[in-house]
């Protein structure tokens, strides 16, 4: 059951996450229809948005016999390098193969918190003359990058635990207590 825990984290369960992904997908489809855009490629920001991609891939192209509608699915990593104080997109090679000028891509992420990853990726895609659209499940008011489509705004102090992150968090908790 989705709930807030005693520390104020918003814990989202699998059922609610599935509903959220389907609702976001529906909003994205309406947005793309309104814009009269057919997406050529999906880009996921690793790791948080990778679980969203199968739903988006099949939902945006429900006909498995349509060879033209198959998506190249790329992922990028957003990381904090040890030698830098800020965050940054890993080498552009992680977008292999790179989108080409004129391609229409949909970038999917779970949350635009401060918006650094989406903003930096937007700059990269603009430099490649790629037509990019952005969708996230959640945004926070402080974000510097508001995606084209998002499901819900949550306050800046809310930490969101998506169900696909739980095993990682459980391991971190075990490490804290020495298990």
N, C-alpha and C. Protein backbone atom coordinates (compact mmCIF):
# COMPACT_ATOMS: atom_id res chain seq x y z
N UNK A 1 0.84 -1.18 0.00
CA UNK A 1 0.00 0.00 0.00
C UNK A 1 0.89 1.25 0.00
N UNK A 2 0.61 2.18 -0.88
CA UNK A 2 1.35 3.42 -0.93
C UNK A 2 1.07 4.23 0.33
N UNK A 3 2.13 4.77 0.92
CA UNK A 3 1.97 5.50 2.18
C UNK A 3 3.20 6.38 2.44
N UNK A 4 3.06 7.24 3.43
CA UNK A 4 4.20 7.99 3.94
C UNK A 4 4.71 7.25 5.16
N UNK A 5 6.04 7.06 5.23
CA UNK A 5 6.57 6.39 6.42
C UNK A 5 6.87 7.41 7.51
N UNK A 6 7.42 6.95 8.61
CA UNK A 6 7.64 7.82 9.77
C UNK A 6 8.67 8.92 9.51
N UNK A 7 9.49 8.75 8.47
CA UNK A 7 10.49 9.78 8.15
C UNK A 7 9.98 10.77 7.10
N UNK A 8 8.76 10.55 6.63
CA UNK A 8 8.19 11.45 5.62
C UNK A 8 8.43 11.00 4.19
N UNK A 9 9.06 9.83 4.00
CA UNK A 9 9.24 9.29 2.65
C UNK A 9 7.89 8.85 2.11
N UNK A 10 7.69 9.08 0.83
CA UNK A 10 6.48 8.62 0.16
C UNK A 10 6.82 7.27 -0.46
N UNK A 11 6.31 6.20 0.12
CA UNK A 11 6.59 4.85 -0.33
C UNK A 11 5.49 4.44 -1.30
N UNK A 12 5.86 4.21 -2.55
CA UNK A 12 4.89 3.85 -3.59
C UNK A 12 4.97 2.35 -3.83
N UNK A 13 3.82 1.67 -3.77
CA UNK A 13 3.83 0.22 -4.00
C UNK A 13 3.69 -0.06 -5.50
N UNK A 14 3.85 -1.34 -5.86
CA UNK A 14 3.84 -1.74 -7.27
C UNK A 14 2.50 -1.44 -7.94
N UNK A 15 1.40 -1.69 -7.25
CA UNK A 15 0.09 -1.45 -7.87
C UNK A 15 -0.10 0.02 -8.22
N UNK A 16 0.22 0.88 -7.27
CA UNK A 16 0.08 2.32 -7.53
C UNK A 16 1.08 2.79 -8.57
N UNK A 17 2.28 2.24 -8.54
CA UNK A 17 3.28 2.61 -9.55
C UNK A 17 2.79 2.24 -10.94
N UNK A 18 2.20 1.05 -11.07
CA UNK A 18 1.65 0.64 -12.36
C UNK A 18 0.55 1.57 -12.85
N UNK A 19 -0.32 1.97 -11.93
CA UNK A 19 -1.38 2.92 -12.29
C UNK A 19 -0.78 4.26 -12.71
N UNK A 20 0.23 4.71 -11.98
CA UNK A 20 0.88 5.99 -12.32
C UNK A 20 1.53 5.94 -13.69
N UNK A 21 2.22 4.85 -13.98
CA UNK A 21 2.88 4.72 -15.29
C UNK A 21 1.84 4.72 -16.40
N UNK A 22 0.76 3.99 -16.21
CA UNK A 22 -0.30 3.96 -17.24
C UNK A 22 -0.96 5.33 -17.41
N UNK A 23 -1.15 6.05 -16.31
CA UNK A 23 -1.74 7.39 -16.40
C UNK A 23 -0.79 8.35 -17.11
N UNK A 24 0.50 8.26 -16.80
CA UNK A 24 1.48 9.11 -17.49
C UNK A 24 1.52 8.76 -18.97
N UNK A 25 1.54 7.48 -19.28
CA UNK A 25 1.55 7.05 -20.69
C UNK A 25 0.34 7.61 -21.42
N UNK A 26 -0.83 7.58 -20.81
CA UNK A 26 -2.04 8.13 -21.43
C UNK A 26 -1.88 9.63 -21.70
N UNK A 27 -1.33 10.34 -20.72
CA UNK A 27 -1.11 11.78 -20.91
C UNK A 27 -0.10 12.05 -22.02
N UNK A 28 0.95 11.23 -22.10
CA UNK A 28 1.97 11.39 -23.15
C UNK A 28 1.34 11.12 -24.52
N UNK A 29 0.53 10.07 -24.63
CA UNK A 29 -0.12 9.78 -25.91
C UNK A 29 -1.01 10.94 -26.35
N UNK A 30 -1.77 11.50 -25.42
CA UNK A 30 -2.62 12.66 -25.74
C UNK A 30 -1.77 13.85 -26.19
N UNK A 31 -0.68 14.08 -25.47
CA UNK A 31 0.23 15.19 -25.81
C UNK A 31 0.82 15.01 -27.21
N UNK A 32 1.32 13.80 -27.50
CA UNK A 32 1.93 13.54 -28.81
C UNK A 32 0.90 13.62 -29.93
N UNK A 33 -0.31 13.17 -29.66
CA UNK A 33 -1.38 13.26 -30.65
C UNK A 33 -1.70 14.73 -30.93
N UNK A 34 -1.81 15.53 -29.87
CA UNK A 34 -2.06 16.96 -30.02
C UNK A 34 -0.95 17.63 -30.83
N UNK A 35 0.30 17.23 -30.58
CA UNK A 35 1.45 17.80 -31.29
C UNK A 35 1.66 17.17 -32.67
N UNK A 36 0.91 16.09 -32.95
CA UNK A 36 1.05 15.34 -34.20
C UNK A 36 2.50 14.84 -34.38
N UNK A 37 2.99 14.17 -33.34
CA UNK A 37 4.38 13.69 -33.32
C UNK A 37 4.39 12.17 -33.17
N UNK A 38 5.21 11.51 -33.97
CA UNK A 38 5.49 10.08 -33.82
C UNK A 38 6.93 9.95 -33.36
N UNK A 39 7.10 9.33 -32.21
CA UNK A 39 8.42 9.19 -31.59
C UNK A 39 9.24 8.13 -32.33
N UNK A 40 10.53 8.44 -32.57
CA UNK A 40 11.45 7.51 -33.20
C UNK A 40 12.26 6.70 -32.18
N UNK A 41 12.43 7.27 -31.00
CA UNK A 41 13.33 6.65 -30.04
C UNK A 41 12.93 7.02 -28.62
N UNK A 42 13.12 6.09 -27.71
CA UNK A 42 12.90 6.33 -26.28
C UNK A 42 14.25 6.41 -25.59
N UNK A 43 14.39 7.34 -24.68
CA UNK A 43 15.61 7.45 -23.88
C UNK A 43 15.20 7.41 -22.42
N UNK A 44 15.85 6.53 -21.68
CA UNK A 44 15.60 6.38 -20.25
C UNK A 44 16.80 6.90 -19.49
N UNK A 45 16.56 7.64 -18.44
CA UNK A 45 17.65 8.06 -17.57
C UNK A 45 17.81 6.96 -16.52
N UNK A 46 18.98 6.35 -16.56
CA UNK A 46 19.27 5.20 -15.72
C UNK A 46 19.27 5.59 -14.25
N UNK A 47 18.90 4.85 -13.41
CA UNK A 47 18.21 3.60 -13.30
C UNK A 47 16.73 3.83 -13.07
N UNK A 48 16.40 4.97 -12.52
CA UNK A 48 15.03 5.20 -12.08
C UNK A 48 13.95 5.07 -13.12
N UNK A 49 14.25 5.39 -14.36
CA UNK A 49 13.18 5.34 -15.36
C UNK A 49 13.20 4.06 -16.19
N UNK A 50 14.20 3.23 -16.05
CA UNK A 50 14.25 2.00 -16.85
C UNK A 50 12.99 1.15 -16.70
N UNK A 51 12.42 1.01 -15.49
CA UNK A 51 11.20 0.20 -15.38
C UNK A 51 9.99 0.78 -16.13
N UNK A 52 10.02 2.05 -16.49
CA UNK A 52 8.90 2.66 -17.21
C UNK A 52 8.93 2.34 -18.70
N UNK A 53 10.11 2.05 -19.22
CA UNK A 53 10.30 1.94 -20.67
C UNK A 53 9.48 0.82 -21.32
N UNK A 54 9.38 -0.39 -20.76
CA UNK A 54 8.55 -1.39 -21.44
C UNK A 54 7.12 -0.94 -21.66
N UNK A 55 6.52 -0.29 -20.68
CA UNK A 55 5.15 0.21 -20.85
C UNK A 55 5.08 1.26 -21.94
N UNK A 56 6.06 2.15 -21.98
CA UNK A 56 6.06 3.20 -23.00
C UNK A 56 6.32 2.62 -24.38
N UNK A 57 7.23 1.66 -24.48
CA UNK A 57 7.54 1.06 -25.77
C UNK A 57 6.32 0.37 -26.35
N UNK A 58 5.65 -0.45 -25.57
CA UNK A 58 4.47 -1.14 -26.09
C UNK A 58 3.27 -0.21 -26.19
N UNK A 59 3.15 0.73 -25.28
CA UNK A 59 2.01 1.64 -25.28
C UNK A 59 2.01 2.64 -26.41
N UNK A 60 3.20 3.06 -26.83
CA UNK A 60 3.28 4.01 -27.93
C UNK A 60 3.23 3.32 -29.28
N UNK A 61 3.51 2.02 -29.29
CA UNK A 61 3.43 1.24 -30.52
C UNK A 61 2.84 -0.12 -30.20
N UNK A 62 1.52 -0.20 -30.06
CA UNK A 62 0.90 -1.45 -29.64
C UNK A 62 0.90 -2.55 -30.70
N UNK A 63 1.27 -2.24 -31.96
CA UNK A 63 1.25 -3.23 -33.03
C UNK A 63 2.63 -3.87 -33.15
N UNK A 64 2.82 -5.11 -32.64
CA UNK A 64 4.14 -5.74 -32.68
C UNK A 64 4.61 -6.10 -34.08
N UNK A 65 3.71 -6.06 -35.09
CA UNK A 65 4.11 -6.37 -36.46
C UNK A 65 4.63 -5.13 -37.19
N UNK A 66 4.47 -3.96 -36.59
CA UNK A 66 4.89 -2.70 -37.21
C UNK A 66 6.39 -2.51 -37.03
N UNK A 67 7.17 -2.91 -38.03
CA UNK A 67 8.63 -2.83 -37.94
C UNK A 67 9.12 -1.38 -37.87
N UNK A 68 8.41 -0.46 -38.50
CA UNK A 68 8.81 0.94 -38.46
C UNK A 68 8.59 1.56 -37.09
N UNK A 69 7.67 1.00 -36.33
CA UNK A 69 7.35 1.55 -35.03
C UNK A 69 8.21 1.03 -33.90
N UNK A 70 9.17 0.15 -34.22
CA UNK A 70 10.06 -0.35 -33.17
C UNK A 70 10.95 0.78 -32.71
N UNK A 71 11.24 0.79 -31.43
CA UNK A 71 12.03 1.87 -30.87
C UNK A 71 13.44 1.44 -30.56
N UNK A 72 14.39 2.31 -30.87
CA UNK A 72 15.71 2.18 -30.28
C UNK A 72 15.54 2.70 -28.86
N UNK A 73 15.96 1.92 -27.91
CA UNK A 73 15.85 2.35 -26.52
C UNK A 73 17.25 2.59 -26.00
N UNK A 74 17.51 3.81 -25.62
CA UNK A 74 18.80 4.17 -25.07
C UNK A 74 18.65 4.46 -23.59
N UNK A 75 19.76 4.36 -22.89
CA UNK A 75 19.77 4.79 -21.51
C UNK A 75 20.99 5.66 -21.31
N UNK A 76 20.86 6.58 -20.40
CA UNK A 76 22.01 7.38 -20.02
C UNK A 76 22.15 7.30 -18.52
N UNK A 77 23.34 7.53 -18.05
CA UNK A 77 23.58 7.51 -16.62
C UNK A 77 23.87 8.93 -16.16
N UNK A 78 23.30 9.27 -15.05
CA UNK A 78 23.55 10.55 -14.43
C UNK A 78 24.26 10.26 -13.13
N UNK A 79 25.42 10.83 -12.94
CA UNK A 79 26.26 10.40 -11.83
C UNK A 79 27.00 11.58 -11.23
N UNK A 80 27.54 11.35 -10.06
CA UNK A 80 28.37 12.36 -9.40
C UNK A 80 29.82 11.87 -9.46
N UNK A 81 30.60 12.45 -10.34
CA UNK A 81 31.99 12.01 -10.43
C UNK A 81 32.78 12.41 -9.18
N UNK A 82 33.69 11.55 -8.78
CA UNK A 82 34.47 11.80 -7.56
C UNK A 82 35.29 13.07 -7.66
N UNK A 83 35.70 13.43 -8.87
CA UNK A 83 36.58 14.58 -9.04
C UNK A 83 35.83 15.90 -9.22
N UNK A 84 34.52 15.86 -9.23
CA UNK A 84 33.75 17.08 -9.46
C UNK A 84 32.79 17.31 -8.30
N UNK A 85 32.38 18.54 -8.14
CA UNK A 85 31.41 18.84 -7.10
C UNK A 85 29.98 18.69 -7.60
N UNK A 86 29.79 18.72 -8.90
CA UNK A 86 28.44 18.63 -9.45
C UNK A 86 28.18 17.28 -10.07
N UNK A 87 27.03 17.17 -10.67
CA UNK A 87 26.65 15.94 -11.36
C UNK A 87 26.90 16.13 -12.84
N UNK A 88 26.82 15.06 -13.59
CA UNK A 88 27.01 15.19 -15.03
C UNK A 88 26.60 13.95 -15.77
N UNK A 89 26.27 14.11 -17.02
CA UNK A 89 25.93 13.00 -17.88
C UNK A 89 27.23 12.28 -18.22
N UNK A 90 27.21 10.94 -18.19
CA UNK A 90 28.38 10.17 -18.59
C UNK A 90 28.67 10.45 -20.06
N UNK A 91 29.74 9.92 -20.53
CA UNK A 91 30.15 10.14 -21.91
C UNK A 91 28.97 9.97 -22.87
N UNK A 92 28.96 10.76 -23.93
CA UNK A 92 27.85 10.72 -24.90
C UNK A 92 27.71 9.33 -25.51
N UNK A 93 28.75 8.52 -25.46
CA UNK A 93 28.69 7.17 -25.99
C UNK A 93 27.64 6.31 -25.32
N UNK A 94 27.20 6.70 -24.13
CA UNK A 94 26.16 5.91 -23.47
C UNK A 94 24.82 6.08 -24.18
N UNK A 95 24.73 7.02 -25.10
CA UNK A 95 23.53 7.17 -25.91
C UNK A 95 23.68 6.42 -27.23
N UNK A 96 24.50 5.39 -27.22
CA UNK A 96 24.80 4.66 -28.44
C UNK A 96 23.58 3.89 -28.91
N UNK A 97 23.23 3.93 -30.19
CA UNK A 97 23.75 4.90 -31.15
C UNK A 97 23.15 6.27 -30.88
N UNK A 98 23.94 7.29 -31.14
CA UNK A 98 23.48 8.65 -30.89
C UNK A 98 22.27 8.98 -31.75
N UNK A 99 21.30 9.70 -31.21
CA UNK A 99 20.20 10.17 -32.04
C UNK A 99 20.75 11.08 -33.14
N UNK A 100 20.10 11.06 -34.28
CA UNK A 100 20.54 11.88 -35.40
C UNK A 100 19.62 13.07 -35.58
N UNK A 101 20.14 14.06 -36.27
CA UNK A 101 19.37 15.29 -36.51
C UNK A 101 18.01 14.94 -37.11
N UNK A 102 16.99 15.57 -36.57
CA UNK A 102 15.63 15.36 -37.07
C UNK A 102 14.87 14.25 -36.37
N UNK A 103 15.58 13.39 -35.65
CA UNK A 103 14.87 12.33 -34.93
C UNK A 103 14.00 12.94 -33.84
N UNK A 104 12.92 12.25 -33.55
CA UNK A 104 12.01 12.66 -32.48
C UNK A 104 12.16 11.66 -31.35
N UNK A 105 12.58 12.15 -30.19
CA UNK A 105 12.82 11.25 -29.07
C UNK A 105 11.93 11.64 -27.88
N UNK A 106 11.61 10.63 -27.10
CA UNK A 106 10.90 10.84 -25.84
C UNK A 106 11.85 10.42 -24.73
N UNK A 107 12.15 11.36 -23.86
CA UNK A 107 12.99 11.10 -22.70
C UNK A 107 12.07 10.87 -21.51
N UNK A 108 12.30 9.75 -20.81
CA UNK A 108 11.45 9.39 -19.68
C UNK A 108 12.31 9.31 -18.43
N UNK A 109 11.83 9.91 -17.35
CA UNK A 109 12.49 9.81 -16.06
C UNK A 109 11.41 9.72 -14.99
N UNK A 110 11.77 9.22 -13.81
CA UNK A 110 10.74 9.08 -12.80
C UNK A 110 10.43 10.39 -12.11
N UNK A 111 11.43 11.26 -11.91
CA UNK A 111 11.18 12.52 -11.21
C UNK A 111 12.13 13.60 -11.70
N UNK A 112 11.62 14.80 -11.83
CA UNK A 112 12.47 15.97 -12.08
C UNK A 112 12.56 16.69 -10.75
N UNK A 113 13.61 16.35 -9.99
CA UNK A 113 13.80 16.90 -8.65
C UNK A 113 14.40 18.30 -8.78
N UNK A 114 15.66 18.36 -9.07
CA UNK A 114 16.29 19.66 -9.36
C UNK A 114 16.33 19.90 -10.86
N UNK A 115 16.20 18.83 -11.63
CA UNK A 115 16.15 18.95 -13.08
C UNK A 115 17.50 18.93 -13.76
N UNK A 116 18.56 18.64 -13.02
CA UNK A 116 19.90 18.69 -13.60
C UNK A 116 20.10 17.70 -14.75
N UNK A 117 19.69 16.46 -14.55
CA UNK A 117 19.88 15.44 -15.58
C UNK A 117 19.10 15.79 -16.84
N UNK A 118 17.84 16.16 -16.67
CA UNK A 118 17.01 16.49 -17.83
C UNK A 118 17.53 17.73 -18.55
N UNK A 119 17.96 18.71 -17.80
CA UNK A 119 18.49 19.93 -18.39
C UNK A 119 19.75 19.66 -19.19
N UNK A 120 20.65 18.89 -18.61
CA UNK A 120 21.90 18.59 -19.32
C UNK A 120 21.64 17.74 -20.55
N UNK A 121 20.75 16.77 -20.44
CA UNK A 121 20.42 15.95 -21.60
C UNK A 121 19.74 16.79 -22.67
N UNK A 122 18.90 17.71 -22.27
CA UNK A 122 18.24 18.60 -23.23
C UNK A 122 19.28 19.38 -24.03
N UNK A 123 20.30 19.88 -23.35
CA UNK A 123 21.37 20.61 -24.05
C UNK A 123 22.08 19.71 -25.07
N UNK A 124 22.35 18.47 -24.67
CA UNK A 124 23.02 17.53 -25.58
C UNK A 124 22.15 17.26 -26.80
N UNK A 125 20.87 16.99 -26.58
CA UNK A 125 19.98 16.68 -27.70
C UNK A 125 19.78 17.88 -28.62
N UNK A 126 19.69 19.08 -28.03
CA UNK A 126 19.60 20.28 -28.86
C UNK A 126 20.83 20.44 -29.74
N UNK A 127 22.01 20.14 -29.19
CA UNK A 127 23.25 20.27 -29.96
C UNK A 127 23.30 19.28 -31.13
N UNK A 128 22.54 18.19 -31.01
CA UNK A 128 22.46 17.19 -32.09
C UNK A 128 21.29 17.47 -33.04
N UNK A 129 20.58 18.58 -32.82
CA UNK A 129 19.39 18.94 -33.61
C UNK A 129 18.32 17.85 -33.57
N UNK A 130 18.12 17.30 -32.36
CA UNK A 130 17.11 16.28 -32.13
C UNK A 130 15.88 16.94 -31.54
N UNK A 131 14.71 16.52 -32.01
CA UNK A 131 13.45 17.03 -31.48
C UNK A 131 13.09 16.17 -30.27
N UNK A 132 13.22 16.73 -29.09
CA UNK A 132 13.04 15.94 -27.86
C UNK A 132 11.82 16.40 -27.07
N UNK A 133 11.16 15.42 -26.49
CA UNK A 133 10.04 15.64 -25.60
C UNK A 133 10.35 14.90 -24.30
N UNK A 134 9.79 15.38 -23.20
CA UNK A 134 10.17 14.89 -21.89
C UNK A 134 8.94 14.55 -21.07
N UNK A 135 9.02 13.42 -20.35
CA UNK A 135 7.92 12.99 -19.49
C UNK A 135 8.48 12.42 -18.19
N UNK A 136 7.87 12.82 -17.08
CA UNK A 136 8.24 12.27 -15.77
C UNK A 136 6.98 11.96 -14.98
N UNK A 137 7.13 11.03 -14.05
CA UNK A 137 6.02 10.76 -13.15
C UNK A 137 5.78 11.95 -12.23
N UNK A 138 6.88 12.49 -11.69
CA UNK A 138 6.75 13.55 -10.69
C UNK A 138 7.73 14.68 -10.97
N UNK A 139 7.36 15.86 -10.49
CA UNK A 139 8.27 17.01 -10.49
C UNK A 139 8.22 17.63 -9.09
N UNK A 140 9.24 18.41 -8.81
CA UNK A 140 9.26 19.19 -7.57
C UNK A 140 9.30 20.66 -7.96
N UNK A 141 8.71 21.53 -7.14
CA UNK A 141 8.65 22.96 -7.48
C UNK A 141 10.02 23.59 -7.76
N UNK A 142 11.08 23.08 -7.14
CA UNK A 142 12.41 23.68 -7.33
C UNK A 142 13.08 23.29 -8.65
N UNK A 143 12.47 22.38 -9.40
CA UNK A 143 13.13 21.89 -10.60
C UNK A 143 13.44 23.04 -11.56
N UNK A 144 14.60 22.95 -12.18
CA UNK A 144 14.96 23.92 -13.21
C UNK A 144 14.51 23.44 -14.59
N UNK A 145 13.94 22.22 -14.65
CA UNK A 145 13.50 21.66 -15.91
C UNK A 145 12.12 21.03 -15.73
N UNK A 146 11.12 21.69 -16.28
CA UNK A 146 9.75 21.17 -16.23
C UNK A 146 9.52 20.39 -17.54
N UNK A 147 9.25 19.09 -17.42
CA UNK A 147 9.03 18.29 -18.63
C UNK A 147 7.74 18.68 -19.34
N UNK A 148 7.62 18.24 -20.58
CA UNK A 148 6.41 18.51 -21.35
C UNK A 148 5.19 17.90 -20.70
N UNK A 149 5.37 16.72 -20.14
CA UNK A 149 4.26 16.00 -19.51
C UNK A 149 4.76 15.44 -18.18
N UNK A 150 3.98 15.63 -17.15
CA UNK A 150 4.27 15.00 -15.87
C UNK A 150 2.95 14.67 -15.20
N UNK A 151 3.03 13.75 -14.25
CA UNK A 151 1.81 13.28 -13.61
C UNK A 151 1.43 14.13 -12.41
N UNK A 152 2.41 14.42 -11.54
CA UNK A 152 2.07 15.09 -10.29
C UNK A 152 3.26 15.86 -9.77
N UNK A 153 2.98 17.00 -9.14
CA UNK A 153 4.00 17.76 -8.43
C UNK A 153 3.95 17.38 -6.96
N UNK A 154 5.13 17.16 -6.39
CA UNK A 154 5.22 16.88 -4.95
C UNK A 154 6.11 17.95 -4.34
N UNK A 155 5.99 18.17 -3.03
CA UNK A 155 6.77 19.24 -2.43
C UNK A 155 8.26 18.91 -2.43
N UNK A 156 9.08 19.94 -2.32
CA UNK A 156 10.53 19.80 -2.42
C UNK A 156 11.12 18.86 -1.40
N UNK A 157 10.51 18.76 -0.24
CA UNK A 157 11.08 17.95 0.85
C UNK A 157 10.66 16.49 0.79
N UNK A 158 9.73 16.14 -0.07
CA UNK A 158 9.26 14.75 -0.14
C UNK A 158 10.28 13.89 -0.87
N UNK A 159 10.71 12.82 -0.20
CA UNK A 159 11.56 11.82 -0.84
C UNK A 159 10.63 10.72 -1.32
N UNK A 160 10.74 10.34 -2.59
CA UNK A 160 9.85 9.34 -3.17
C UNK A 160 10.62 8.03 -3.31
N UNK A 161 10.07 6.97 -2.74
CA UNK A 161 10.63 5.63 -2.91
C UNK A 161 9.74 4.87 -3.87
N UNK A 162 10.25 4.64 -5.08
CA UNK A 162 9.54 3.85 -6.06
C UNK A 162 9.80 2.38 -5.77
N UNK A 163 8.87 1.49 -6.12
CA UNK A 163 9.05 0.09 -5.74
C UNK A 163 10.28 -0.56 -6.37
N UNK A 164 10.70 -0.10 -7.54
CA UNK A 164 11.87 -0.69 -8.18
C UNK A 164 13.17 -0.29 -7.48
N UNK A 165 13.10 0.66 -6.57
CA UNK A 165 14.28 1.08 -5.82
C UNK A 165 14.40 0.36 -4.48
N UNK A 166 13.38 -0.32 -4.07
CA UNK A 166 13.35 -0.92 -2.74
C UNK A 166 14.49 -1.88 -2.45
N UNK A 167 14.85 -2.81 -3.35
CA UNK A 167 15.95 -3.72 -3.01
C UNK A 167 17.25 -2.96 -2.69
N UNK A 168 17.55 -1.92 -3.44
CA UNK A 168 18.75 -1.11 -3.19
C UNK A 168 18.66 -0.48 -1.81
N UNK A 169 17.51 0.07 -1.49
CA UNK A 169 17.36 0.75 -0.21
C UNK A 169 17.41 -0.25 0.95
N UNK A 170 16.85 -1.43 0.73
CA UNK A 170 16.91 -2.44 1.78
C UNK A 170 18.35 -2.83 2.06
N UNK A 171 19.15 -2.94 1.01
CA UNK A 171 20.58 -3.28 1.19
C UNK A 171 21.30 -2.16 1.93
N UNK A 172 20.99 -0.91 1.60
CA UNK A 172 21.63 0.22 2.28
C UNK A 172 21.27 0.22 3.76
N UNK A 173 20.01 -0.09 4.08
CA UNK A 173 19.60 -0.14 5.49
C UNK A 173 20.34 -1.26 6.23
N UNK A 174 20.49 -2.42 5.58
CA UNK A 174 21.21 -3.54 6.20
C UNK A 174 22.66 -3.15 6.47
N UNK A 175 23.28 -2.44 5.51
CA UNK A 175 24.67 -2.02 5.68
C UNK A 175 24.80 -1.06 6.87
N UNK A 176 23.81 -0.19 7.03
CA UNK A 176 23.85 0.78 8.14
C UNK A 176 23.87 0.09 9.49
N UNK A 177 23.15 -1.01 9.60
CA UNK A 177 23.07 -1.68 10.89
C UNK A 177 24.05 -2.86 10.97
N UNK A 178 24.85 -3.04 9.94
CA UNK A 178 25.90 -4.06 9.96
C UNK A 178 25.45 -5.47 9.71
N UNK A 179 24.38 -5.64 8.97
CA UNK A 179 23.90 -7.00 8.65
C UNK A 179 24.56 -7.47 7.36
